[in-house]
Amino acid sequence: MPAVGLTHYLFVSLLVFLLGLFCVLTRRNAIGILMGVELILNAANINYLAFARFGSAPYDGQVFAIFVIMLAAAEATIGLAIVLGIYQTFHTIDVDAAETLRG
């Protein structure tokens, strides 16, 4: 059985990134867009951990991954608060409804 190498991690990361990008570009639902952004951030985490595993500085990637996880939690909190504000105002979570927020 072949060992899992850096290429495998990078391929999985690329796949997760492309799924997240597809989700962000095609969804009109604000929660779907937030989920796509989370997938993109997780793709970056896979890269950080893969390079930490196969690189010369093993802890740098893990520190960056923890930082990205904290950033994703803050992004989800603020994003959901914005979605709730849009829903209370327009009774929908369609991002096109937010165009009327322009001043």
Foldseek 3Di string as FASTA:
>chain_A
DDDDALVNLLVVLVVLLVVLVCQLVPDQFLVSVLVSVVSNLVSLLSNLCRCLVVDDNNCPSVVVSVVSVVVSVVVVVVSVVVQVVLCVVPVGRGNVSCVVVDD
